[in-house]
Protein backbone atom coordinates (compact mmCIF):
# COMPACT_ATOMS: atom_id res chain seq x y z
CA UNK A 1 -30.04 2.83 -50.03
CA UNK A 2 -29.33 -0.71 -51.15
CA UNK A 3 -32.05 -2.56 -52.82
CA UNK A 4 -31.74 -5.85 -50.78
CA UNK A 5 -34.30 -7.64 -53.06
CA UNK A 6 -32.56 -7.20 -56.39
CA UNK A 7 -29.17 -8.98 -56.77
CA UNK A 8 -26.38 -6.62 -57.89
CA UNK A 9 -23.47 -7.24 -60.05
CA UNK A 10 -19.88 -6.49 -58.47
CA UNK A 11 -17.74 -3.95 -60.24
CA UNK A 12 -14.33 -5.08 -60.88
CA UNK A 13 -12.88 -1.81 -61.98
CA UNK A 14 -10.15 0.04 -60.04
CA UNK A 15 -12.58 2.44 -58.22
CA UNK A 16 -14.38 -0.95 -56.52
CA UNK A 17 -10.75 -2.23 -55.50
CA UNK A 18 -9.90 1.27 -53.99
CA UNK A 19 -13.21 0.97 -51.98
CA UNK A 20 -12.96 -2.36 -50.97
CA UNK A 21 -9.63 -1.39 -49.29
CA UNK A 22 -10.92 1.64 -47.74
CA UNK A 23 -13.73 -0.28 -46.20
CA UNK A 24 -11.13 -2.91 -44.70
CA UNK A 25 -9.00 -0.13 -43.66
CA UNK A 26 -12.10 1.66 -41.73
CA UNK A 27 -12.79 -1.91 -40.13
CA UNK A 28 -9.44 -2.35 -38.82
CA UNK A 29 -8.97 1.23 -37.35
CA UNK A 30 -12.55 0.56 -35.89
CA UNK A 31 -11.09 -2.23 -33.77
CA UNK A 32 -8.36 -0.01 -32.80
CA UNK A 33 -10.71 3.04 -31.75
CA UNK A 34 -11.39 3.45 -28.01
CA UNK A 35 -14.97 3.78 -28.64
CA UNK A 36 -14.74 0.29 -30.15
CA UNK A 37 -12.39 -0.97 -27.46
CA UNK A 38 -13.47 -2.79 -24.06
CA UNK A 39 -15.96 -0.76 -22.29
CA UNK A 40 -15.20 -1.58 -18.74
CA UNK A 41 -14.04 1.08 -16.74
CA UNK A 42 -10.27 2.30 -15.85
CA UNK A 43 -9.25 2.21 -12.57
CA UNK A 44 -7.01 4.74 -10.87
CA UNK A 45 -6.39 4.50 -7.02
CA UNK A 46 -4.01 7.30 -5.66
CA UNK A 47 -2.80 6.79 -2.36
CA UNK A 48 -0.73 9.14 -0.39
CA UNK A 49 1.39 8.68 2.83
CA UNK A 50 0.66 10.40 6.16
CA UNK A 51 -1.58 12.80 4.46
CA UNK A 52 -4.19 13.71 7.20
CA UNK A 53 -7.95 14.21 6.97
CA UNK A 54 -7.24 17.98 7.56
CA UNK A 55 -4.44 17.95 4.77
CA UNK A 56 -7.05 19.41 2.02
CA UNK A 57 -8.23 22.91 1.21
CA UNK A 58 -11.84 21.25 1.08
CA UNK A 59 -11.46 19.85 4.60
CA UNK A 60 -11.38 23.26 6.15
CA UNK A 61 -7.75 23.84 6.09
CA UNK A 62 -7.22 27.59 5.28
CA UNK A 63 -3.35 27.49 5.04
CA UNK A 64 -2.77 24.67 2.76
CA UNK A 65 -3.22 25.06 -1.03
CA UNK A 66 -4.74 22.01 -3.23
CA UNK A 67 -6.80 23.60 -5.81
CA UNK A 68 -7.07 20.75 -8.09
CA UNK A 69 -7.84 18.20 -5.31
CA UNK A 70 -10.59 20.47 -4.07
CA UNK A 71 -12.20 20.62 -7.29
CA UNK A 72 -11.66 16.83 -7.65
CA UNK A 73 -13.72 16.61 -4.65
CA UNK A 74 -16.51 18.62 -5.89
CA UNK A 75 -16.59 16.22 -8.65
CA UNK A 76 -16.84 13.02 -6.81
CA UNK A 77 -18.50 11.09 -3.82
CA UNK A 78 -17.00 11.56 -0.67
CA UNK A 79 -17.13 8.98 2.07
CA UNK A 80 -16.87 10.80 5.20
CA UNK A 81 -16.30 7.59 7.31
CA UNK A 82 -13.58 5.66 5.72
CA UNK A 83 -11.03 3.75 8.10
CA UNK A 84 -7.60 2.56 7.55
CA UNK A 85 -4.93 1.19 9.82
CA UNK A 86 -2.77 3.95 11.84
CA UNK A 87 0.07 3.15 10.05
CA UNK A 88 1.34 2.35 6.27
CA UNK A 89 1.98 -1.09 5.62
CA UNK A 90 -0.96 -3.08 7.41
CA UNK A 91 -3.47 -0.74 5.33
CA UNK A 92 -1.83 -1.37 1.91
CA UNK A 93 -1.92 -4.95 2.72
CA UNK A 94 -5.77 -4.70 3.37
CA UNK A 95 -6.26 -2.25 0.61
CA UNK A 96 -4.42 -4.94 -2.09
CA UNK A 97 -6.21 -8.19 -0.55
CA UNK A 98 -9.60 -7.23 0.75
CA UNK A 99 -8.41 -8.81 4.13
CA UNK A 100 -7.64 -7.71 7.60
CA UNK A 101 -3.51 -7.61 7.51
CA UNK A 102 -3.24 -9.86 10.21
CA UNK A 103 -4.19 -12.48 7.88
CA UNK A 104 -1.96 -11.24 5.58
CA UNK A 105 1.61 -11.90 7.12
CA UNK A 106 2.05 -7.89 7.34
CA UNK A 107 1.84 -7.16 11.15
CA UNK A 108 4.22 -4.10 11.08
CA UNK A 109 6.10 -1.88 9.09
CA UNK A 110 9.70 -2.76 9.44
CA UNK A 111 11.70 -5.54 11.25
CA UNK A 112 10.22 -8.56 9.34
CA UNK A 113 6.48 -7.46 9.78
CA UNK A 114 5.88 -5.82 6.42
CA UNK A 115 5.75 -8.78 3.99
CA UNK A 116 3.03 -10.48 2.72
CA UNK A 117 2.24 -14.12 2.08
CA UNK A 118 2.74 -14.82 -1.63
CA UNK A 119 -0.34 -16.85 -1.68
CA UNK A 120 -2.49 -13.63 -1.07
CA UNK A 121 -4.59 -12.67 -4.08
CA UNK A 122 -4.35 -9.03 -4.56
CA UNK A 123 -6.61 -6.74 -6.55
CA UNK A 124 -4.13 -6.50 -9.31
CA UNK A 125 -4.00 -10.29 -9.79
CA UNK A 126 -7.76 -10.50 -10.02
CA UNK A 127 -8.16 -7.68 -12.61
CA UNK A 128 -5.10 -8.76 -14.52
CA UNK A 129 -6.97 -12.44 -14.71
CA UNK A 130 -9.84 -10.27 -16.21
CA UNK A 131 -8.19 -8.92 -18.87
CA UNK A 132 -7.14 -5.54 -17.33
CA UNK A 133 -3.53 -4.37 -17.87
CA UNK A 134 -2.04 -3.37 -14.67
CA UNK A 135 0.74 -0.92 -13.28
CA UNK A 136 2.30 0.60 -10.10
CA UNK A 137 4.21 3.68 -9.34
CA UNK A 138 5.21 4.65 -5.98
CA UNK A 139 5.50 2.99 -2.75
CA UNK A 140 4.80 -0.54 -2.20
CA UNK A 141 6.04 -1.69 1.37
CA UNK A 142 4.48 -4.89 1.56
CA UNK A 143 7.68 -6.93 0.55
CA UNK A 144 10.97 -6.06 -1.44
CA UNK A 145 11.52 -9.81 -1.85
CA UNK A 146 10.06 -12.67 -4.09
CA UNK A 147 7.34 -13.91 -3.86
CA UNK A 148 6.05 -10.44 -2.29
CA UNK A 149 7.33 -7.93 -4.93
CA UNK A 150 4.40 -6.19 -6.89
CA UNK A 151 5.59 -8.17 -10.09
CA UNK A 152 5.01 -11.11 -8.00
CA UNK A 153 1.52 -10.03 -7.25
CA UNK A 154 -0.15 -9.12 -10.49
CA UNK A 155 1.37 -5.94 -11.51
CA UNK A 156 2.79 -6.03 -15.09
CA UNK A 157 4.74 -2.69 -15.01
CA UNK A 158 6.69 -1.82 -12.00
CA UNK A 159 8.32 1.39 -10.83
CA UNK A 160 8.77 1.44 -7.04
CA UNK A 161 10.75 2.64 -4.37
CA UNK A 162 12.33 -0.24 -1.63
CA UNK A 163 11.63 -0.34 2.19
CA UNK A 164 9.09 1.99 4.03
CA UNK A 165 10.49 5.51 2.57
CA UNK A 166 13.07 6.99 -0.09
CA UNK A 167 16.47 7.25 1.64
CA UNK A 168 15.69 4.45 3.87
CA UNK A 169 17.59 1.18 4.27
CA UNK A 170 18.47 -0.65 1.98
CA UNK A 171 18.53 2.27 -0.49
CA UNK A 172 20.06 4.67 1.98
CA UNK A 173 21.68 6.98 -0.69
CA UNK A 174 18.42 7.88 -2.21
CA UNK A 175 16.93 11.32 -1.93
CA UNK A 176 13.78 12.71 -2.88
CA UNK A 177 15.37 14.63 -5.83
CA UNK A 178 17.55 11.86 -6.99
CA UNK A 179 15.72 8.66 -5.80
CA UNK A 180 16.78 4.94 -6.41
CA UNK A 181 13.93 3.30 -7.74
CA UNK A 182 13.14 -0.19 -9.27
CA UNK A 183 11.80 -0.58 -12.68
CA UNK A 184 10.44 -4.18 -13.17
CA UNK A 185 12.99 -5.55 -10.73
CA UNK A 186 16.14 -3.60 -12.31
CA UNK A 187 17.63 -0.84 -9.80
CA UNK A 188 17.56 2.80 -11.30
CA UNK A 189 19.16 5.73 -9.89
CA UNK A 190 16.67 8.93 -11.56
CA UNK A 191 17.36 12.54 -11.50
CA UNK A 192 13.89 14.64 -10.69
CA UNK A 193 11.67 14.60 -7.97
CA UNK A 194 10.12 11.45 -6.57
CA UNK A 195 6.56 12.69 -6.86
CA UNK A 196 6.77 13.91 -10.35
CA UNK A 197 8.74 10.98 -11.72
CA UNK A 198 5.75 8.62 -10.15
CA UNK A 199 3.27 10.60 -11.98
CA UNK A 200 5.04 10.79 -15.40
CA UNK A 201 5.19 6.99 -15.34
CA UNK A 202 1.48 7.02 -14.57
CA UNK A 203 0.74 9.44 -17.25
CA UNK A 204 2.77 7.51 -19.83
CA UNK A 205 1.01 4.13 -18.88
CA UNK A 206 -2.44 6.01 -19.35
CA UNK A 207 -1.33 6.88 -22.69
CA UNK A 208 -0.37 3.57 -23.88
CA UNK A 209 -3.12 1.98 -22.73
CA UNK A 210 -5.86 4.38 -23.78
CA UNK A 211 -7.68 1.62 -25.73
CA UNK A 212 -7.73 -1.17 -23.02
CA UNK A 213 -8.98 -1.22 -19.71
CA UNK A 214 -6.42 -0.51 -16.97
CA UNK A 215 -5.68 -0.56 -13.50
CA UNK A 216 -3.18 2.14 -12.21
CA UNK A 217 -2.18 2.17 -8.57
CA UNK A 218 -0.33 5.27 -7.63
CA UNK A 219 0.99 5.20 -4.05
CA UNK A 220 3.00 8.04 -3.54
CA UNK A 221 5.59 8.32 -0.65
CA UNK A 222 4.63 11.92 0.28
CA UNK A 223 3.90 13.66 2.26
CA UNK A 224 5.94 10.89 4.59
CA UNK A 225 9.25 12.13 6.05
CA UNK A 226 12.06 13.16 5.05
CA UNK A 227 10.29 16.52 4.54
CA UNK A 228 12.00 17.50 1.17
CA UNK A 229 10.64 19.83 -1.59
CA UNK A 230 11.95 22.79 -3.76
CA UNK A 231 11.96 26.29 -2.05
CA UNK A 232 9.45 27.48 -4.62
CA UNK A 233 6.97 25.23 -3.52
CA UNK A 234 7.23 25.87 0.41
CA UNK A 235 8.63 29.51 0.62
CA UNK A 236 4.96 30.79 -0.02
CA UNK A 237 3.51 28.83 2.90
CA UNK A 238 6.52 30.27 5.25
CA UNK A 239 6.20 33.64 4.23
CA UNK A 240 2.38 33.51 5.18
CA UNK A 241 3.40 32.74 8.74
CA UNK A 242 3.33 28.93 8.65
CA UNK A 243 5.96 27.02 10.70
CA UNK A 244 8.70 25.96 8.29
CA UNK A 245 8.52 22.16 8.68
CA UNK A 246 4.95 22.58 8.06
CA UNK A 247 5.35 24.94 5.39
CA UNK A 248 7.35 22.44 3.68
CA UNK A 249 4.96 19.50 4.13
CA UNK A 250 2.20 21.70 2.69
CA UNK A 251 4.78 22.69 -0.01
CA UNK A 252 4.74 18.75 -0.75
CA UNK A 253 1.16 18.57 -0.94
CA UNK A 254 0.98 21.76 -3.56
CA UNK A 255 3.54 19.49 -5.59
CA UNK A 256 1.35 16.64 -5.28
CA UNK A 257 -1.80 18.65 -6.10
CA UNK A 258 -0.14 19.94 -9.32
CA UNK A 259 0.85 16.47 -10.34
CA UNK A 260 -2.78 15.22 -9.58
CA UNK A 261 -4.00 17.91 -11.99
CA UNK A 262 -1.62 16.64 -14.46
CA UNK A 263 -3.33 13.24 -14.09
CA UNK A 264 -6.83 14.33 -14.65
CA UNK A 265 -6.04 16.67 -17.37
CA UNK A 266 -4.67 13.68 -19.07
CA UNK A 267 -8.05 11.68 -18.83
CA UNK A 268 -9.81 14.42 -20.07
CA UNK A 269 -7.16 15.01 -23.15
CA UNK A 270 -7.57 11.30 -23.94
CA UNK A 271 -11.25 10.67 -23.75
CA UNK A 272 -10.92 8.40 -20.68
CA UNK A 273 -12.49 10.71 -18.26
CA UNK A 274 -16.08 9.77 -18.25
CA UNK A 275 -15.41 6.00 -18.01
CA UNK A 276 -12.73 6.15 -15.17
CA UNK A 277 -12.91 5.49 -11.66
CA UNK A 278 -10.37 7.59 -9.92
CA UNK A 279 -9.97 7.36 -6.07
CA UNK A 280 -7.72 9.31 -3.89
CA UNK A 281 -7.48 8.49 -0.27
CA UNK A 282 -4.44 8.38 2.06
CA UNK A 283 -2.98 5.37 4.24
CA UNK A 284 -3.28 6.42 8.06
CA UNK A 285 -3.39 9.95 9.78
CA UNK A 286 -1.06 12.63 9.80
CA UNK A 287 2.43 13.07 11.90
CA UNK A 288 1.28 15.15 14.80
CA UNK A 289 1.28 19.28 15.02
CA UNK A 290 -0.59 20.47 12.39
CA UNK A 291 -4.18 21.02 11.39
CA UNK A 292 -6.71 17.96 11.13
CA UNK A 293 -10.09 19.11 11.02
CA UNK A 294 -10.47 18.88 14.92
CA UNK A 295 -9.88 14.93 14.99
CA UNK A 296 -8.09 13.83 17.96
CA UNK A 297 -4.79 11.80 17.86
CA UNK A 298 -2.60 11.38 14.78
CA UNK A 299 -0.50 8.58 12.70
CA UNK A 300 0.15 5.29 15.05
CA UNK A 301 -3.12 6.12 17.03
CA UNK A 302 -6.51 4.29 16.83
CA UNK A 303 -8.23 7.71 17.74
CA UNK A 304 -10.18 9.22 14.56
CA UNK A 305 -7.21 11.37 13.77
CA UNK A 306 -5.03 8.32 13.28
CA UNK A 307 -7.28 5.96 11.07
CA UNK A 308 -9.84 8.15 9.42
CA UNK A 309 -8.72 9.55 6.33
CA UNK A 310 -10.02 11.18 3.13
CA UNK A 311 -11.82 8.99 0.62
CA UNK A 312 -12.90 10.41 -2.93
CA UNK A 313 -13.96 8.54 -5.82
CA UNK A 314 -15.21 9.96 -9.00
CA UNK A 315 -16.95 8.06 -12.00
CA UNK A 316 -18.80 10.34 -13.98
CA UNK A 317 -20.34 7.73 -16.07
CA UNK A 318 -22.31 6.19 -12.85
CA UNK A 319 -21.44 8.19 -9.67
CA UNK A 320 -23.04 11.59 -9.12
CA UNK A 321 -20.73 14.30 -8.41
CA UNK A 322 -20.88 16.26 -4.72
CA UNK A 323 -22.12 13.35 -3.44
CA UNK A 324 -21.44 12.58 0.40
CA UNK A 325 -21.89 9.23 2.26
CA UNK A 326 -21.26 8.87 5.77
CA UNK A 327 -21.92 5.01 6.23
CA UNK A 328 -19.04 2.94 7.57
CA UNK A 329 -16.47 1.86 5.05
CA UNK A 330 -12.80 0.71 5.01
CA UNK A 331 -9.73 -0.33 3.34
CA UNK A 332 -10.85 -4.05 3.28
CA UNK A 333 -13.90 -3.00 1.00
CA UNK A 334 -11.49 -1.95 -2.10
CA UNK A 335 -11.09 -5.30 -3.53
CA UNK A 336 -14.37 -6.33 -3.90
CA UNK A 337 -15.83 -3.23 -4.86
CA UNK A 338 -13.14 -2.69 -7.53
CA UNK A 339 -13.51 -6.27 -8.62
CA UNK A 340 -17.30 -5.64 -8.99
CA UNK A 341 -16.60 -2.40 -11.00
CA UNK A 342 -14.69 -4.16 -13.38
CA UNK A 343 -16.57 -7.13 -13.57
CA UNK A 344 -14.08 -9.57 -12.54
CA UNK A 345 -14.35 -12.94 -10.94
CA UNK A 346 -13.11 -13.41 -7.19
CA UNK A 347 -11.25 -16.78 -7.14
CA UNK A 348 -11.65 -17.12 -3.23
CA UNK A 349 -14.62 -14.67 -2.36
CA UNK A 350 -15.20 -16.49 1.03
CA UNK A 351 -11.65 -15.22 2.20
CA UNK A 352 -12.66 -11.69 2.09
CA UNK A 353 -13.50 -9.24 5.21
CA UNK A 354 -14.58 -6.36 2.93
CA UNK A 355 -17.94 -5.67 1.34
CA UNK A 356 -18.95 -4.27 -1.95
CA UNK A 357 -19.85 -0.56 -1.80
CA UNK A 358 -20.72 -0.16 -5.53
CA UNK A 359 -24.48 0.25 -4.86
CA UNK A 360 -23.86 2.69 -2.19
CA UNK A 361 -21.70 4.55 -4.54
CA UNK A 362 -24.15 4.78 -7.42
CA UNK A 363 -27.22 5.28 -5.39
CA UNK A 364 -28.60 1.80 -6.38
CA UNK A 365 -28.91 1.30 -2.27
CA UNK A 366 -30.20 4.45 -0.20
CA UNK A 367 -27.71 4.99 2.69
CA UNK A 368 -30.48 4.42 5.53
CA UNK A 369 -30.89 0.91 3.75
CA UNK A 370 -27.33 0.04 3.99
CA UNK A 371 -26.88 -3.11 6.37
CA UNK A 372 -25.16 -2.09 9.84
CA UNK A 373 -21.73 -3.51 10.23
CA UNK A 374 -18.54 -3.41 12.49
CA UNK A 375 -14.88 -2.14 11.24
CA UNK A 376 -11.90 -3.64 13.38
CA UNK A 377 -8.75 -1.73 13.37
CA UNK A 378 -5.59 -2.84 15.55
CA UNK A 379 -1.80 -2.12 14.88
CA UNK A 380 1.10 -2.66 17.00
CA UNK A 381 4.63 -1.92 15.33
CA UNK A 382 6.02 -5.57 16.19
CA UNK A 383 5.39 -9.29 15.05
CA UNK A 384 4.21 -10.43 18.45
CA UNK A 385 0.53 -9.52 18.48
CA UNK A 386 -1.67 -8.81 21.97
CA UNK A 387 -5.08 -8.24 22.58
CA UNK A 388 -6.47 -4.97 23.38
CA UNK A 389 -3.19 -3.13 22.24
CA UNK A 390 -4.01 -0.04 20.12
CA UNK A 391 -7.31 -1.51 18.89
CA UNK A 392 -10.72 -0.25 17.91
CA UNK A 393 -14.12 -1.50 17.07
CA UNK A 394 -16.25 1.26 14.80
CA UNK A 395 -20.08 1.15 14.52
CA UNK A 396 -22.19 3.31 12.65
CA UNK A 397 -22.48 5.46 16.09
CA UNK A 398 -19.98 4.24 18.67
CA UNK A 399 -16.40 3.65 19.02
CA UNK A 400 -14.88 1.16 21.29
CA UNK A 401 -11.05 1.93 21.93
CA UNK A 402 -8.42 0.26 23.77
CA UNK A 403 -5.00 1.17 24.77
CA UNK A 404 -4.78 3.75 21.97
CA UNK A 405 -1.17 4.27 21.01
CA UNK A 406 0.18 2.02 23.04
CA UNK A 407 2.22 -1.03 21.85
CA UNK A 408 3.14 -3.05 24.91
CA UNK A 409 2.07 -3.33 28.39
CA UNK A 410 2.67 -5.57 31.68
CA UNK A 411 -0.61 -5.43 33.54
CA UNK A 412 -4.30 -5.28 31.83
CA UNK A 413 -6.11 -2.02 32.99
CA UNK A 414 -9.80 -1.94 32.01
CA UNK A 415 -9.85 1.84 32.56
CA UNK A 416 -7.83 2.11 29.09
CA UNK A 417 -10.78 0.68 27.45
CA UNK A 418 -12.88 3.91 26.26
CA UNK A 419 -16.31 4.50 24.31
CA UNK A 420 -17.25 7.65 22.29
CA UNK A 421 -20.33 8.45 20.32
CA UNK A 422 -18.71 9.49 17.33
CA UNK A 423 -21.56 10.98 15.70
CA UNK A 424 -22.24 13.59 18.34
CA UNK A 425 -18.64 13.59 19.36
CA UNK A 426 -16.39 13.16 16.38
CA UNK A 427 -13.69 14.82 18.45
CA UNK A 428 -13.52 11.69 21.02
CA UNK A 429 -13.86 14.25 23.86
CA UNK A 430 -16.10 12.46 26.06
CA UNK A 431 -15.72 8.73 27.33
CA UNK A 432 -18.79 7.18 27.81
CA UNK A 433 -17.47 3.89 29.00
CA UNK A 434 -18.93 4.34 32.36
CA UNK A 435 -22.56 5.52 31.17
CA UNK A 436 -23.09 2.74 28.66
CA UNK A 437 -21.22 -0.37 30.20
CA UNK A 438 -23.63 -2.73 28.21
CA UNK A 439 -22.63 -0.99 25.03
CA UNK A 440 -18.78 -1.49 26.13
CA UNK A 441 -19.35 -4.92 27.11
CA UNK A 442 -20.75 -6.10 23.89
CA UNK A 443 -17.99 -4.40 21.56
CA UNK A 444 -15.62 -5.91 23.86
CA UNK A 445 -17.07 -9.31 23.08
CA UNK A 446 -16.99 -8.81 19.41
CA UNK A 447 -13.29 -7.63 19.77
CA UNK A 448 -12.54 -10.59 21.40
CA UNK A 449 -13.96 -12.90 18.82
CA UNK A 450 -12.44 -10.81 15.88
CA UNK A 451 -9.12 -11.25 17.60
CA UNK A 452 -9.10 -15.09 18.14
CA UNK A 453 -10.27 -15.35 14.26
CA UNK A 454 -7.18 -13.25 13.14
CA UNK A 455 -5.04 -15.56 15.28
CA UNK A 456 -6.70 -18.79 13.86
CA UNK A 457 -6.14 -17.85 10.34
CA UNK A 458 -2.24 -17.91 10.44
CA UNK A 459 -1.39 -17.83 13.79
CA UNK A 460 0.11 -14.05 13.29
CA UNK A 461 2.77 -15.39 11.08
CA UNK A 462 4.87 -13.27 8.69
CA UNK A 463 5.33 -14.22 4.95
CA UNK A 464 8.72 -15.81 3.82
CA UNK A 465 11.38 -14.56 1.70
CA UNK A 466 12.18 -17.00 -1.07
CA UNK A 467 15.89 -18.34 -1.57
CA UNK A 468 16.58 -20.00 -4.93
CA UNK A 469 13.58 -18.83 -6.62
CA UNK A 470 14.54 -18.23 -10.25
CA UNK A 471 12.76 -14.86 -10.26
CA UNK A 472 15.11 -13.41 -7.82
CA UNK A 473 18.57 -14.78 -7.78
CA UNK A 474 20.56 -13.37 -5.81
CA UNK A 475 18.42 -12.18 -3.44
CA UNK A 476 19.07 -9.21 -0.72
CA UNK A 477 18.25 -9.49 2.77
CA UNK A 478 17.89 -6.31 4.40
CA UNK A 479 18.47 -6.49 8.50
CA UNK A 480 16.30 -3.63 9.27
CA UNK A 481 13.42 -3.91 6.83
CA UNK A 482 13.05 -7.69 6.73
CA UNK A 483 14.96 -9.22 9.75
CA UNK A 484 12.90 -10.73 12.27
CA UNK A 485 12.24 -8.76 15.36
CA UNK A 486 9.47 -10.18 17.46
CA UNK A 487 9.25 -7.49 19.92
CA UNK A 488 10.74 -4.12 18.88
CA UNK A 489 13.33 -4.48 21.17
CA UNK A 490 16.89 -5.98 21.48
CA UNK A 491 18.37 -7.04 18.10
CA UNK A 492 17.29 -8.77 14.77
CA UNK A 493 16.85 -12.51 15.09
CA UNK A 494 17.32 -13.67 11.47
CA UNK A 495 15.05 -13.85 8.59
CA UNK A 496 12.05 -16.17 7.75
CA UNK A 497 12.80 -17.51 4.62
CA UNK A 498 11.70 -20.47 2.42
CA UNK A 499 14.64 -22.20 0.57
CA UNK A 500 13.04 -23.88 -2.60
CA UNK A 501 15.68 -25.80 -3.39
CA UNK A 502 18.27 -27.72 -1.46
CA UNK A 503 21.83 -26.68 -2.90
CA UNK A 504 24.91 -24.59 -2.42
CA UNK A 505 24.42 -20.56 -1.91
CA UNK A 506 26.89 -17.84 -1.81
CA UNK A 507 26.49 -15.80 1.56
CA UNK A 508 27.75 -12.18 1.33
CA UNK A 509 27.56 -10.17 4.43
CA UNK A 510 27.73 -6.40 4.54
CA UNK A 511 30.40 -5.87 6.85
CA UNK A 512 32.89 -3.19 8.01
CA UNK A 513 36.52 -4.05 7.29
CA UNK A 514 37.96 -6.85 9.61
CA UNK A 515 41.19 -8.73 10.66
CA UNK A 516 39.18 -11.87 10.45
CA UNK A 517 36.85 -13.85 12.03
CA UNK A 518 33.67 -16.04 10.64
CA UNK A 519 30.35 -16.42 8.79
CA UNK A 520 28.02 -18.13 11.27
CA UNK A 521 24.87 -19.66 10.05
CA UNK A 522 22.13 -21.34 11.81
CA UNK A 523 19.34 -22.87 9.71
CA UNK A 524 16.59 -25.67 10.49
CA UNK A 525 18.27 -26.83 13.62
CA UNK A 526 21.82 -27.07 11.95
CA UNK A 527 24.78 -24.59 12.89
CA UNK A 528 27.95 -23.84 10.63
CA UNK A 529 30.85 -21.79 10.83
CA UNK A 530 32.76 -20.39 7.85
CA UNK A 531 36.46 -19.00 8.31
CA UNK A 532 36.66 -15.38 6.53
CA UNK A 533 40.41 -13.92 6.05
CA UNK A 534 41.01 -10.47 6.44
CA UNK A 535 38.14 -8.18 4.84
CA UNK A 536 36.36 -11.23 3.57
CA UNK A 537 32.66 -11.40 3.58
CA UNK A 538 31.52 -14.10 1.43
CA UNK A 539 31.31 -17.94 1.90
CA UNK A 540 29.52 -20.90 0.11
CA UNK A 541 27.07 -22.65 2.52
CA UNK A 542 25.05 -25.78 1.81
CA UNK A 543 21.32 -25.01 2.75
CA UNK A 544 18.41 -28.05 3.09
CA UNK A 545 15.11 -26.81 1.38
CA UNK A 546 12.26 -25.89 3.51
CA UNK A 547 10.91 -23.08 5.56
CA UNK A 548 12.31 -21.55 8.77
CA UNK A 549 14.59 -18.64 10.25
CA UNK A 550 17.76 -18.24 8.69
CA UNK A 551 20.26 -16.22 11.24
CA UNK A 552 23.62 -15.12 9.36
CA UNK A 553 26.22 -13.07 11.48
CA UNK A 554 29.64 -12.28 12.03
CA UNK A 555 31.92 -13.70 14.74
CA UNK A 556 35.25 -12.20 15.64
CA UNK A 557 38.32 -14.16 15.96
CA UNK A 558 37.88 -14.66 19.52
CA UNK A 559 34.49 -16.16 19.24
CA UNK A 560 32.38 -13.32 19.88
CA UNK A 561 29.22 -13.19 18.03
CA UNK A 562 28.17 -9.52 16.98
CA UNK A 563 24.93 -8.37 16.54
CA UNK A 564 23.43 -5.21 15.58
CA UNK A 565 20.63 -3.47 17.91
CA UNK A 566 17.13 -3.39 16.44
CA UNK A 567 17.19 0.40 15.57
CA UNK A 568 20.68 0.41 13.56
CA UNK A 569 19.36 1.90 10.33
CA UNK A 570 22.65 0.88 8.16
CA UNK A 571 23.40 -1.68 5.67
CA UNK A 572 25.94 -3.67 8.44
CA UNK A 573 24.50 -7.07 8.56
CA UNK A 574 22.48 -7.09 5.36
CA UNK A 575 23.15 -10.53 3.36
CA UNK A 576 23.34 -11.08 -0.14
CA UNK A 577 22.05 -14.75 -1.21
CA UNK A 578 22.86 -16.50 -4.12
CA UNK A 579 22.10 -19.99 -5.52
CA UNK A 580 25.11 -21.20 -7.22
CA UNK A 581 24.47 -24.60 -8.49
């Protein structure tokens, strides 16, 4: 013990010098040790694609095999009434922004409706500004062009596929076993099964950032179609009598489960498990035709089977394992909750639609004391939005449903509005609209007010693509994924873009061999025609700065403009745009 009252003479011999260096080394090492690092929790969000509520063994599916996820469920808190949109891009926009998707520019899953406005503040931006390291590995699907890409929206490390699925336009040559991936903006063709590759990247990120708080977003593209998995995963299910397509899907989930087990094992081995918030959920309900825990409907529908998803959250340091919470919660709640978990400041809290669930997770607020709320769900797969189509208002007890699964009607029919008591009738088998007209009327009024508010925010506009942005030059305009199609019928009309700087741009049209014709361009009230020789596809065009609809196409020598039908899933009609001055 050092006597602090009696002065001591410093030693100057070699042993004293060695001791000084040793102490200095210990101090430096302490600064690098996880125990002395930033104590804020790591956050990992695993989001599956088209996994239904019933695609887990813990939810009563006796055929599937998900032992790692089932074990994780026993260690976690489960929110049994967690809601999302019935299709993927709108759900993802709400998860990322804490706002209803109609406010964000994301209205559909393709044809121009799956692109977020660049001014939206994402959970990655919130956490990165607070000092978190951020990464995404998997499916993005809210914008493949600047300013909507993940690297534009707060993610520092990026490994994603484009469009809504592997093998879709514009990367049609990709397969699940040889995917086309984009790493920090650069295209890679990679050998390996897609889910394995995404989890490999996630695990590497965890190991590299073990001494620093991080946010890892892991949105897999399975079990979305195409149904593709090695035989060793699906054959045991088929041998047990499961139909082959379902067996293959369960094989995809088996592979996902093994990878999830690798992820949680990594957290244990690195000593990060106790202070890591790990969330597992899905983006919408399953494709129809398989077990879904007796919930009505499937992907695309606002019945429970299309919008109620698994939601598990584990945080050993603060959340009691094995808890179940039946309070309403939804995709919009993740940003405010995770910002609170991280102690991060929101720059625009008044813009959020979600609520902070943290005290509900930790038990600081009893479930019976949780305030009543309504959740609003509506998605039609087109840009033009209409009242009442495929919509729902959900309260703790009742659920108002309007035109479930319907995307377009000519005449309004009030009989298409239904009411269910989802506490006593979770299968939505008894329509109570005639029995409780006052409840139906009250929820109809609240829906009307909500729809009007969504309309006022951006007038249901979609996020524009930047042209001439130094972050992305050239820019690839995918007609199928990003070309504007207002109604989901007929042909694509062009692309909603913002030309950042007036100047000359080289436009290169993806087009079959031809004997000559013209590249026709319409932009901000001006039309131009640029002659193309045999098999030529490029022209230099002058574009004014501004926002608007850019229409580019091919015209034959006879003057006929050729347009592609909206459901043509090829590269024909896609355009590369490069600023050249």
